[in-house]
């Protein structure tokens, strides 16, 4: 079995219109979908230190590669890991909610 066969693209139900909310305004990025399907997480990204979206993460990743100060490296790495952890948790919560809706 190919590992690819085990992946699920969480964007698919939103792209196809299987789940739709007016506040999504035709968009289906993680930051748009999350508050509509998991409203208790609507402010989750506001609490992060320095990384609130993918653009911030890309900018900080570049800065990480250029950094020489160990404290700056640790702070940036920690912020990026927290952002990635929240993104992953958000996808898990979205999948759980989708499963509840079809159960």
PDB file of N, CA and C in Angstrom:
ATOM      1  N   UNK A   1       0.843  -1.181   0.000  1.00  0.00           N
ATOM      2  CA  UNK A   1       0.000   0.000   0.000  1.00  0.00           C
ATOM      3  C   UNK A   1       0.891   1.247   0.000  1.00  0.00           C
ATOM      4  N   UNK A   2       0.555   2.188  -0.831  1.00  0.00           N
ATOM      5  CA  UNK A   2       1.266   3.443  -0.946  1.00  0.00           C
ATOM      6  C   UNK A   2       0.891   4.342   0.235  1.00  0.00           C
ATOM      7  N   UNK A   3       1.879   5.003   0.844  1.00  0.00           N
ATOM      8  CA  UNK A   3       1.599   5.891   1.977  1.00  0.00           C
ATOM      9  C   UNK A   3       0.635   7.002   1.567  1.00  0.00           C
ATOM     10  N   UNK A   4       0.705   7.407   0.322  1.00  0.00           N
ATOM     11  CA  UNK A   4      -0.182   8.453  -0.193  1.00  0.00           C
ATOM     12  C   UNK A   4      -1.649   8.067  -0.038  1.00  0.00           C
ATOM     13  N   UNK A   5      -1.946   6.782  -0.124  1.00  0.00           N
ATOM     14  CA  UNK A   5      -3.324   6.307   0.005  1.00  0.00           C
ATOM     15  C   UNK A   5      -3.897   6.547   1.397  1.00  0.00           C
ATOM     16  N   UNK A   6      -3.034   6.778   2.375  1.00  0.00           N
ATOM     17  CA  UNK A   6      -3.476   6.988   3.750  1.00  0.00           C
ATOM     18  C   UNK A   6      -3.692   8.464   4.091  1.00  0.00           C
ATOM     19  N   UNK A   7      -3.399   9.363   3.165  1.00  0.00           N
ATOM     20  CA  UNK A   7      -3.564  10.787   3.418  1.00  0.00           C
ATOM     21  C   UNK A   7      -4.975  11.237   3.070  1.00  0.00           C
ATOM     22  N   UNK A   8      -5.458  12.190   3.836  1.00  0.00           N
ATOM     23  CA  UNK A   8      -6.758  12.798   3.591  1.00  0.00           C
ATOM     24  C   UNK A   8      -6.528  14.294   3.423  1.00  0.00           C
ATOM     25  N   UNK A   9      -7.045  14.866   2.366  1.00  0.00           N
ATOM     26  CA  UNK A   9      -6.952  16.309   2.163  1.00  0.00           C
ATOM     27  C   UNK A   9      -8.173  16.948   2.807  1.00  0.00           C
ATOM     28  N   UNK A  10      -7.954  17.619   3.923  1.00  0.00           N
ATOM     29  CA  UNK A  10      -9.076  18.219   4.649  1.00  0.00           C
ATOM     30  C   UNK A  10      -9.734  19.360   3.884  1.00  0.00           C
ATOM     31  N   UNK A  11      -9.086  19.866   2.862  1.00  0.00           N
ATOM     32  CA  UNK A  11      -9.694  20.948   2.077  1.00  0.00           C
ATOM     33  C   UNK A  11     -10.833  20.439   1.196  1.00  0.00           C
ATOM     34  N   UNK A  12     -10.818  19.165   0.848  1.00  0.00           N
ATOM     35  CA  UNK A  12     -11.772  18.619  -0.124  1.00  0.00           C
ATOM     36  C   UNK A  12     -13.238  18.880   0.223  1.00  0.00           C
ATOM     37  N   UNK A  13     -13.708  18.584   1.440  1.00  0.00           N
ATOM     38  CA  UNK A  13     -15.132  18.824   1.711  1.00  0.00           C
ATOM     39  C   UNK A  13     -15.520  20.300   1.609  1.00  0.00           C
ATOM     40  N   UNK A  14     -14.560  21.174   1.839  1.00  0.00           N
ATOM     41  CA  UNK A  14     -14.837  22.608   1.769  1.00  0.00           C
ATOM     42  C   UNK A  14     -14.760  23.094   0.320  1.00  0.00           C
ATOM     43  N   UNK A  15     -13.799  22.586  -0.429  1.00  0.00           N
ATOM     44  CA  UNK A  15     -13.676  22.932  -1.850  1.00  0.00           C
ATOM     45  C   UNK A  15     -14.909  22.480  -2.624  1.00  0.00           C
ATOM     46  N   UNK A  16     -15.382  21.285  -2.321  1.00  0.00           N
ATOM     47  CA  UNK A  16     -16.526  20.716  -3.033  1.00  0.00           C
ATOM     48  C   UNK A  16     -17.863  21.287  -2.548  1.00  0.00           C
ATOM     49  N   UNK A  17     -17.836  22.040  -1.467  1.00  0.00           N
ATOM     50  CA  UNK A  17     -19.068  22.606  -0.936  1.00  0.00           C
ATOM     51  C   UNK A  17     -19.852  21.649  -0.068  1.00  0.00           C
ATOM     52  N   UNK A  18     -19.236  20.536   0.346  1.00  0.00           N
ATOM     53  CA  UNK A  18     -19.918  19.593   1.237  1.00  0.00           C
ATOM     54  C   UNK A  18     -20.157  20.208   2.612  1.00  0.00           C
ATOM     55  N   UNK A  19     -19.272  21.110   3.015  1.00  0.00           N
ATOM     56  CA  UNK A  19     -19.466  21.896   4.236  1.00  0.00           C
ATOM     57  C   UNK A  19     -19.290  23.348   3.828  1.00  0.00           C
ATOM     58  N   UNK A  20     -20.302  24.147   4.123  1.00  0.00           N
ATOM     59  CA  UNK A  20     -20.278  25.542   3.709  1.00  0.00           C
ATOM     60  C   UNK A  20     -20.931  26.393   4.778  1.00  0.00           C
ATOM     61  N   UNK A  21     -20.305  27.514   5.065  1.00  0.00           N
ATOM     62  CA  UNK A  21     -20.878  28.494   5.977  1.00  0.00           C
ATOM     63  C   UNK A  21     -20.704  29.864   5.330  1.00  0.00           C
ATOM     64  N   UNK A  22     -21.688  30.752   5.458  1.00  0.00           N
ATOM     65  CA  UNK A  22     -21.593  32.067   4.814  1.00  0.00           C
ATOM     66  C   UNK A  22     -20.337  32.844   5.205  1.00  0.00           C
ATOM     67  N   UNK A  23     -19.930  32.734   6.471  1.00  0.00           N
ATOM     68  CA  UNK A  23     -18.762  33.495   6.930  1.00  0.00           C
ATOM     69  C   UNK A  23     -17.453  33.030   6.285  1.00  0.00           C
ATOM     70  N   UNK A  24     -17.475  31.893   5.616  1.00  0.00           N
ATOM     71  CA  UNK A  24     -16.281  31.420   4.905  1.00  0.00           C
ATOM     72  C   UNK A  24     -16.081  32.195   3.601  1.00  0.00           C
ATOM     73  N   UNK A  25     -17.142  32.798   3.074  1.00  0.00           N
ATOM     74  CA  UNK A  25     -17.083  33.640   1.874  1.00  0.00           C
ATOM     75  C   UNK A  25     -16.364  32.962   0.712  1.00  0.00           C
ATOM     76  N   UNK A  26     -16.626  31.666   0.545  1.00  0.00           N
ATOM     77  CA  UNK A  26     -16.035  30.923  -0.565  1.00  0.00           C
ATOM     78  C   UNK A  26     -14.585  30.534  -0.369  1.00  0.00           C
ATOM     79  N   UNK A  27     -14.037  30.822   0.779  1.00  0.00           N
ATOM     80  CA  UNK A  27     -12.632  30.476   1.060  1.00  0.00           C
ATOM     81  C   UNK A  27     -12.600  29.255   1.962  1.00  0.00           C
ATOM     82  N   UNK A  28     -11.509  28.523   1.938  1.00  0.00           N
ATOM     83  CA  UNK A  28     -11.427  27.310   2.746  1.00  0.00           C
ATOM     84  C   UNK A  28     -10.039  27.084   3.329  1.00  0.00           C
ATOM     85  N   UNK A  29      -9.341  28.166   3.636  1.00  0.00           N
ATOM     86  CA  UNK A  29      -8.055  28.012   4.318  1.00  0.00           C
ATOM     87  C   UNK A  29      -8.322  27.581   5.761  1.00  0.00           C
ATOM     88  N   UNK A  30      -7.324  27.053   6.387  1.00  0.00           N
ATOM     89  CA  UNK A  30      -7.444  26.579   7.766  1.00  0.00           C
ATOM     90  C   UNK A  30      -7.940  27.690   8.685  1.00  0.00           C
ATOM     91  N   UNK A  31      -7.401  28.892   8.536  1.00  0.00           N
ATOM     92  CA  UNK A  31      -7.764  30.005   9.419  1.00  0.00           C
ATOM     93  C   UNK A  31      -9.195  30.486   9.173  1.00  0.00           C
ATOM     94  N   UNK A  32      -9.742  30.222   7.986  1.00  0.00           N
ATOM     95  CA  UNK A  32     -11.129  30.595   7.677  1.00  0.00           C
ATOM     96  C   UNK A  32     -12.089  29.506   8.147  1.00  0.00           C
ATOM     97  N   UNK A  33     -11.751  28.258   7.893  1.00  0.00           N
ATOM     98  CA  UNK A  33     -12.621  27.132   8.230  1.00  0.00           C
ATOM     99  C   UNK A  33     -12.693  26.909   9.742  1.00  0.00           C
ATOM    100  N   UNK A  34     -11.563  26.988  10.415  1.00  0.00           N
ATOM    101  CA  UNK A  34     -11.496  26.642  11.842  1.00  0.00           C
ATOM    102  C   UNK A  34     -12.558  27.339  12.690  1.00  0.00           C
ATOM    103  N   UNK A  35     -12.686  28.663  12.648  1.00  0.00           N
ATOM    104  CA  UNK A  35     -13.681  29.287  13.528  1.00  0.00           C
ATOM    105  C   UNK A  35     -15.131  28.970  13.170  1.00  0.00           C
ATOM    106  N   UNK A  36     -15.380  28.528  11.935  1.00  0.00           N
ATOM    107  CA  UNK A  36     -16.759  28.205  11.571  1.00  0.00           C
ATOM    108  C   UNK A  36     -17.166  26.820  12.047  1.00  0.00           C
ATOM    109  N   UNK A  37     -16.222  25.902  12.080  1.00  0.00           N
ATOM    110  CA  UNK A  37     -16.554  24.523  12.440  1.00  0.00           C
ATOM    111  C   UNK A  37     -16.148  24.196  13.882  1.00  0.00           C
ATOM    112  N   UNK A  38     -15.159  24.923  14.412  1.00  0.00           N
ATOM    113  CA  UNK A  38     -14.725  24.758  15.806  1.00  0.00           C
ATOM    114  C   UNK A  38     -14.683  26.163  16.428  1.00  0.00           C
ATOM    115  N   UNK A  39     -15.849  26.745  16.705  1.00  0.00           N
ATOM    116  CA  UNK A  39     -15.894  28.143  17.152  1.00  0.00           C
ATOM    117  C   UNK A  39     -15.106  28.429  18.427  1.00  0.00           C
ATOM    118  N   UNK A  40     -14.954  27.429  19.274  1.00  0.00           N
ATOM    119  CA  UNK A  40     -14.201  27.662  20.512  1.00  0.00           C
ATOM    120  C   UNK A  40     -12.712  27.897  20.246  1.00  0.00           C
ATOM    121  N   UNK A  41     -12.265  27.663  19.015  1.00  0.00           N
ATOM    122  CA  UNK A  41     -10.859  27.904  18.671  1.00  0.00           C
ATOM    123  C   UNK A  41     -10.677  29.168  17.826  1.00  0.00           C
ATOM    124  N   UNK A  42     -11.702  30.019  17.757  1.00  0.00           N
ATOM    125  CA  UNK A  42     -11.637  31.173  16.859  1.00  0.00           C
ATOM    126  C   UNK A  42     -10.486  32.131  17.176  1.00  0.00           C
ATOM    127  N   UNK A  43     -10.054  32.199  18.409  1.00  0.00           N
ATOM    128  CA  UNK A  43      -8.966  33.110  18.789  1.00  0.00           C
ATOM    129  C   UNK A  43      -7.660  32.387  19.080  1.00  0.00           C
ATOM    130  N   UNK A  44      -7.581  31.121  18.757  1.00  0.00           N
ATOM    131  CA  UNK A  44      -6.415  30.308  19.131  1.00  0.00           C
ATOM    132  C   UNK A  44      -5.099  30.872  18.608  1.00  0.00           C
ATOM    133  N   UNK A  45      -5.093  31.393  17.398  1.00  0.00           N
ATOM    134  CA  UNK A  45      -3.846  31.887  16.806  1.00  0.00           C
ATOM    135  C   UNK A  45      -3.431  33.243  17.371  1.00  0.00           C
ATOM    136  N   UNK A  46      -4.355  33.952  18.007  1.00  0.00           N
ATOM    137  CA  UNK A  46      -4.025  35.256  18.586  1.00  0.00           C
ATOM    138  C   UNK A  46      -3.069  35.142  19.759  1.00  0.00           C
ATOM    139  N   UNK A  47      -3.066  34.004  20.430  1.00  0.00           N
ATOM    140  CA  UNK A  47      -2.246  33.824  21.625  1.00  0.00           C
ATOM    141  C   UNK A  47      -0.807  33.431  21.324  1.00  0.00           C
ATOM    142  N   UNK A  48      -0.500  33.160  20.068  1.00  0.00           N
ATOM    143  CA  UNK A  48       0.855  32.732  19.722  1.00  0.00           C
ATOM    144  C   UNK A  48       1.814  33.917  19.739  1.00  0.00           C
ATOM    145  N   UNK A  49       3.084  33.617  19.983  1.00  0.00           N
ATOM    146  CA  UNK A  49       4.114  34.647  20.081  1.00  0.00           C
ATOM    147  C   UNK A  49       4.796  34.853  18.729  1.00  0.00           C
ATOM    148  N   UNK A  50       4.339  35.842  17.966  1.00  0.00           N
ATOM    149  CA  UNK A  50       5.025  36.220  16.742  1.00  0.00           C
ATOM    150  C   UNK A  50       4.611  35.501  15.476  1.00  0.00           C
ATOM    151  N   UNK A  51       3.912  34.379  15.578  1.00  0.00           N
ATOM    152  CA  UNK A  51       3.497  33.632  14.389  1.00  0.00           C
ATOM    153  C   UNK A  51       1.981  33.466  14.445  1.00  0.00           C
ATOM    154  N   UNK A  52       1.285  34.161  13.546  1.00  0.00           N
ATOM    155  CA  UNK A  52      -0.172  34.098  13.551  1.00  0.00           C
ATOM    156  C   UNK A  52      -0.746  33.542  12.258  1.00  0.00           C
ATOM    157  N   UNK A  53       0.112  33.380  11.249  1.00  0.00           N
ATOM    158  CA  UNK A  53      -0.353  32.853   9.964  1.00  0.00           C
ATOM    159  C   UNK A  53       0.838  32.304   9.179  1.00  0.00           C
ATOM    160  N   UNK A  54       0.552  31.734   8.038  1.00  0.00           N
ATOM    161  CA  UNK A  54       1.595  31.116   7.224  1.00  0.00           C
ATOM    162  C   UNK A  54       2.651  32.098   6.754  1.00  0.00           C
ATOM    163  N   UNK A  55       2.247  33.330   6.454  1.00  0.00           N
ATOM    164  CA  UNK A  55       3.226  34.338   6.040  1.00  0.00           C
ATOM    165  C   UNK A  55       4.215  34.631   7.166  1.00  0.00           C
ATOM    166  N   UNK A  56       3.692  34.773   8.387  1.00  0.00           N
ATOM    167  CA  UNK A  56       4.580  34.968   9.541  1.00  0.00           C
ATOM    168  C   UNK A  56       5.537  33.792   9.687  1.00  0.00           C
ATOM    169  N   UNK A  57       5.011  32.587   9.535  1.00  0.00           N
ATOM    170  CA  UNK A  57       5.837  31.385   9.694  1.00  0.00           C
ATOM    171  C   UNK A  57       6.947  31.341   8.651  1.00  0.00           C
ATOM    172  N   UNK A  58       6.622  31.663   7.407  1.00  0.00           N
ATOM    173  CA  UNK A  58       7.654  31.651   6.360  1.00  0.00           C
ATOM    174  C   UNK A  58       8.727  32.704   6.635  1.00  0.00           C
ATOM    175  N   UNK A  59       8.294  33.895   7.055  1.00  0.00           N
ATOM    176  CA  UNK A  59       9.240  34.964   7.368  1.00  0.00           C
ATOM    177  C   UNK A  59      10.155  34.554   8.520  1.00  0.00           C
ATOM    178  N   UNK A  60       9.576  33.983   9.561  1.00  0.00           N
ATOM    179  CA  UNK A  60      10.372  33.573  10.717  1.00  0.00           C
ATOM    180  C   UNK A  60      11.299  32.416  10.381  1.00  0.00           C
ATOM    181  N   UNK A  61      10.875  31.532   9.490  1.00  0.00           N
ATOM    182  CA  UNK A  61      11.727  30.420   9.088  1.00  0.00           C
ATOM    183  C   UNK A  61      12.975  30.940   8.380  1.00  0.00           C
ATOM    184  N   UNK A  62      12.798  31.942   7.529  1.00  0.00           N
ATOM    185  CA  UNK A  62      13.951  32.565   6.859  1.00  0.00           C
ATOM    186  C   UNK A  62      14.854  33.216   7.899  1.00  0.00           C
ATOM    187  N   UNK A  63      14.262  33.931   8.849  1.00  0.00           N
ATOM    188  CA  UNK A  63      15.037  34.568   9.911  1.00  0.00           C
ATOM    189  C   UNK A  63      15.803  33.535  10.726  1.00  0.00           C
ATOM    190  N   UNK A  64      15.190  32.390  10.942  1.00  0.00           N
ATOM    191  CA  UNK A  64      15.848  31.328  11.698  1.00  0.00           C
ATOM    192  C   UNK A  64      17.126  30.881  10.998  1.00  0.00           C
ATOM    193  N   UNK A  65      17.072  30.777   9.680  1.00  0.00           N
ATOM    194  CA  UNK A  65      18.246  30.365   8.919  1.00  0.00           C
ATOM    195  C   UNK A  65      19.358  31.391   8.930  1.00  0.00           C
ATOM    196  N   UNK A  66      19.007  32.655   9.164  1.00  0.00           N
ATOM    197  CA  UNK A  66      19.990  33.737   9.163  1.00  0.00           C
ATOM    198  C   UNK A  66      20.465  34.101  10.562  1.00  0.00           C
ATOM    199  N   UNK A  67      19.788  33.614  11.579  1.00  0.00           N
ATOM    200  CA  UNK A  67      20.093  33.998  12.961  1.00  0.00           C
ATOM    201  C   UNK A  67      21.413  33.397  13.433  1.00  0.00           C
ATOM    202  N   UNK A  68      22.112  34.166  14.248  1.00  0.00           N
ATOM    203  CA  UNK A  68      23.359  33.683  14.848  1.00  0.00           C
ATOM    204  C   UNK A  68      23.295  33.699  16.370  1.00  0.00           C
ATOM    205  N   UNK A  69      22.374  34.485  16.920  1.00  0.00           N
ATOM    206  CA  UNK A  69      22.216  34.566  18.367  1.00  0.00           C
ATOM    207  C   UNK A  69      21.423  33.360  18.858  1.00  0.00           C
ATOM    208  N   UNK A  70      21.996  32.603  19.774  1.00  0.00           N
ATOM    209  CA  UNK A  70      21.371  31.355  20.235  1.00  0.00           C
ATOM    210  C   UNK A  70      20.011  31.608  20.883  1.00  0.00           C
ATOM    211  N   UNK A  71      19.879  32.702  21.627  1.00  0.00           N
ATOM    212  CA  UNK A  71      18.591  33.005  22.258  1.00  0.00           C
ATOM    213  C   UNK A  71      17.518  33.298  21.209  1.00  0.00           C
ATOM    214  N   UNK A  72      17.905  34.024  20.154  1.00  0.00           N
ATOM    215  CA  UNK A  72      16.974  34.315  19.062  1.00  0.00           C
ATOM    216  C   UNK A  72      16.589  33.031  18.332  1.00  0.00           C
ATOM    217  N   UNK A  73      17.551  32.155  18.127  1.00  0.00           N
ATOM    218  CA  UNK A  73      17.288  30.877  17.460  1.00  0.00           C
ATOM    219  C   UNK A  73      16.293  30.054  18.268  1.00  0.00           C
ATOM    220  N   UNK A  74      16.527  29.958  19.561  1.00  0.00           N
ATOM    221  CA  UNK A  74      15.640  29.177  20.436  1.00  0.00           C
ATOM    222  C   UNK A  74      14.236  29.777  20.452  1.00  0.00           C
ATOM    223  N   UNK A  75      14.144  31.105  20.577  1.00  0.00           N
ATOM    224  CA  UNK A  75      12.839  31.775  20.621  1.00  0.00           C
ATOM    225  C   UNK A  75      12.075  31.565  19.308  1.00  0.00           C
ATOM    226  N   UNK A  76      12.762  31.734  18.189  1.00  0.00           N
ATOM    227  CA  UNK A  76      12.119  31.578  16.885  1.00  0.00           C
ATOM    228  C   UNK A  76      11.700  30.137  16.651  1.00  0.00           C
ATOM    229  N   UNK A  77      12.586  29.213  16.977  1.00  0.00           N
ATOM    230  CA  UNK A  77      12.266  27.793  16.799  1.00  0.00           C
ATOM    231  C   UNK A  77      11.062  27.406  17.654  1.00  0.00           C
ATOM    232  N   UNK A  78      11.030  27.867  18.882  1.00  0.00           N
ATOM    233  CA  UNK A  78       9.914  27.572  19.782  1.00  0.00           C
ATOM    234  C   UNK A  78       8.606  28.140  19.232  1.00  0.00           C
ATOM    235  N   UNK A  79       8.651  29.375  18.738  1.00  0.00           N
ATOM    236  CA  UNK A  79       7.445  29.998  18.180  1.00  0.00           C
ATOM    237  C   UNK A  79       6.943  29.228  16.964  1.00  0.00           C
ATOM    238  N   UNK A  80       7.859  28.814  16.097  1.00  0.00           N
ATOM    239  CA  UNK A  80       7.464  28.050  14.910  1.00  0.00           C
ATOM    240  C   UNK A  80       6.879  26.694  15.287  1.00  0.00           C
ATOM    241  N   UNK A  81       7.484  26.036  16.256  1.00  0.00           N
ATOM    242  CA  UNK A  81       6.962  24.739  16.689  1.00  0.00           C
ATOM    243  C   UNK A  81       5.574  24.876  17.306  1.00  0.00           C
ATOM    244  N   UNK A  82       5.353  25.927  18.077  1.00  0.00           N
ATOM    245  CA  UNK A  82       4.033  26.158  18.671  1.00  0.00           C
ATOM    246  C   UNK A  82       2.995  26.423  17.583  1.00  0.00           C
ATOM    247  N   UNK A  83       3.375  27.172  16.567  1.00  0.00           N
ATOM    248  CA  UNK A  83       2.475  27.440  15.441  1.00  0.00           C
ATOM    249  C   UNK A  83       2.132  26.144  14.709  1.00  0.00           C
ATOM    250  N   UNK A  84       3.141  25.343  14.422  1.00  0.00           N
ATOM    251  CA  UNK A  84       2.910  24.065  13.724  1.00  0.00           C
ATOM    252  C   UNK A  84       2.057  23.125  14.574  1.00  0.00           C
ATOM    253  N   UNK A  85       2.307  23.136  15.874  1.00  0.00           N
ATOM    254  CA  UNK A  85       1.519  22.298  16.782  1.00  0.00           C
ATOM    255  C   UNK A  85       0.048  22.722  16.753  1.00  0.00           C
ATOM    256  N   UNK A  86      -0.196  24.024  16.764  1.00  0.00           N
ATOM    257  CA  UNK A  86      -1.573  24.512  16.726  1.00  0.00           C
ATOM    258  C   UNK A  86      -2.231  24.198  15.385  1.00  0.00           C
ATOM    259  N   UNK A  87      -1.499  24.357  14.284  1.00  0.00           N
ATOM    260  CA  UNK A  87      -2.041  23.996  12.970  1.00  0.00           C
ATOM    261  C   UNK A  87      -2.453  22.524  12.941  1.00  0.00           C
ATOM    262  N   UNK A  88      -1.603  21.676  13.471  1.00  0.00           N
ATOM    263  CA  UNK A  88      -1.895  20.241  13.491  1.00  0.00           C
ATOM    264  C   UNK A  88      -3.119  19.954  14.355  1.00  0.00           C
ATOM    265  N   UNK A  89      -3.168  20.554  15.539  1.00  0.00           N
ATOM    266  CA  UNK A  89      -4.306  20.362  16.427  1.00  0.00           C
ATOM    267  C   UNK A  89      -5.595  20.879  15.772  1.00  0.00           C
ATOM    268  N   UNK A  90      -5.502  22.010  15.082  1.00  0.00           N
ATOM    269  CA  UNK A  90      -6.670  22.564  14.396  1.00  0.00           C
ATOM    270  C   UNK A  90      -7.194  21.589  13.347  1.00  0.00           C
ATOM    271  N   UNK A  91      -6.293  20.963  12.603  1.00  0.00           N
ATOM    272  CA  UNK A  91      -6.725  19.988  11.592  1.00  0.00           C
ATOM    273  C   UNK A  91      -7.375  18.767  12.238  1.00  0.00           C
ATOM    274  N   UNK A  92      -6.844  18.339  13.371  1.00  0.00           N
ATOM    275  CA  UNK A  92      -7.442  17.211  14.096  1.00  0.00           C
ATOM    276  C   UNK A  92      -8.856  17.574  14.541  1.00  0.00           C
ATOM    277  N   UNK A  93      -9.017  18.773  15.089  1.00  0.00           N
ATOM    278  CA  UNK A  93     -10.340  19.199  15.561  1.00  0.00           C
ATOM    279  C   UNK A  93     -11.336  19.330  14.410  1.00  0.00           C
ATOM    280  N   UNK A  94     -10.872  19.844  13.267  1.00  0.00           N
ATOM    281  CA  UNK A  94     -11.743  19.952  12.093  1.00  0.00           C
ATOM    282  C   UNK A  94     -12.182  18.564  11.641  1.00  0.00           C
ATOM    283  N   UNK A  95     -11.248  17.632  11.581  1.00  0.00           N
ATOM    284  CA  UNK A  95     -11.584  16.265  11.178  1.00  0.00           C
ATOM    285  C   UNK A  95     -12.581  15.645  12.153  1.00  0.00           C
ATOM    286  N   UNK A  96     -12.371  15.855  13.453  1.00  0.00           N
ATOM    287  CA  UNK A  96     -13.315  15.332  14.449  1.00  0.00           C
ATOM    288  C   UNK A  96     -14.717  15.894  14.220  1.00  0.00           C
ATOM    289  N   UNK A  97     -14.811  17.190  13.975  1.00  0.00           N
ATOM    290  CA  UNK A  97     -16.120  17.820  13.756  1.00  0.00           C
ATOM    291  C   UNK A  97     -16.775  17.298  12.479  1.00  0.00           C
ATOM    292  N   UNK A  98     -15.989  17.123  11.424  1.00  0.00           N
ATOM    293  CA  UNK A  98     -16.545  16.578  10.184  1.00  0.00           C
ATOM    294  C   UNK A  98     -17.075  15.163  10.410  1.00  0.00           C
ATOM    295  N   UNK A  99     -16.335  14.360  11.153  1.00  0.00           N
ATOM    296  CA  UNK A  99     -16.792  12.997  11.455  1.00  0.00           C
ATOM    297  C   UNK A  99     -18.088  13.023  12.258  1.00  0.00           C
ATOM    298  N   UNK A 100     -18.204  13.959  13.203  1.00  0.00           N
ATOM    299  CA  UNK A 100     -19.439  14.085  13.985  1.00  0.00           C
ATOM    300  C   UNK A 100     -20.623  14.443  13.090  1.00  0.00           C
ATOM    301  N   UNK A 101     -20.380  15.301  12.121  1.00  0.00           N
ATOM    302  CA  UNK A 101     -21.458  15.740  11.233  1.00  0.00           C
ATOM    303  C   UNK A 101     -21.993  14.622  10.351  1.00  0.00           C
ATOM    304  N   UNK A 102     -21.142  13.677   9.986  1.00  0.00           N
ATOM    305  CA  UNK A 102     -21.589  12.598   9.097  1.00  0.00           C
ATOM    306  C   UNK A 102     -21.974  11.332   9.853  1.00  0.00           C
ATOM    307  N   UNK A 103     -21.770  11.324  11.165  1.00  0.00           N
ATOM    308  CA  UNK A 103     -22.080  10.126  11.959  1.00  0.00           C
ATOM    309  C   UNK A 103     -23.575   9.964  12.153  1.00  0.00           C
TER     310      UNK A 103
END
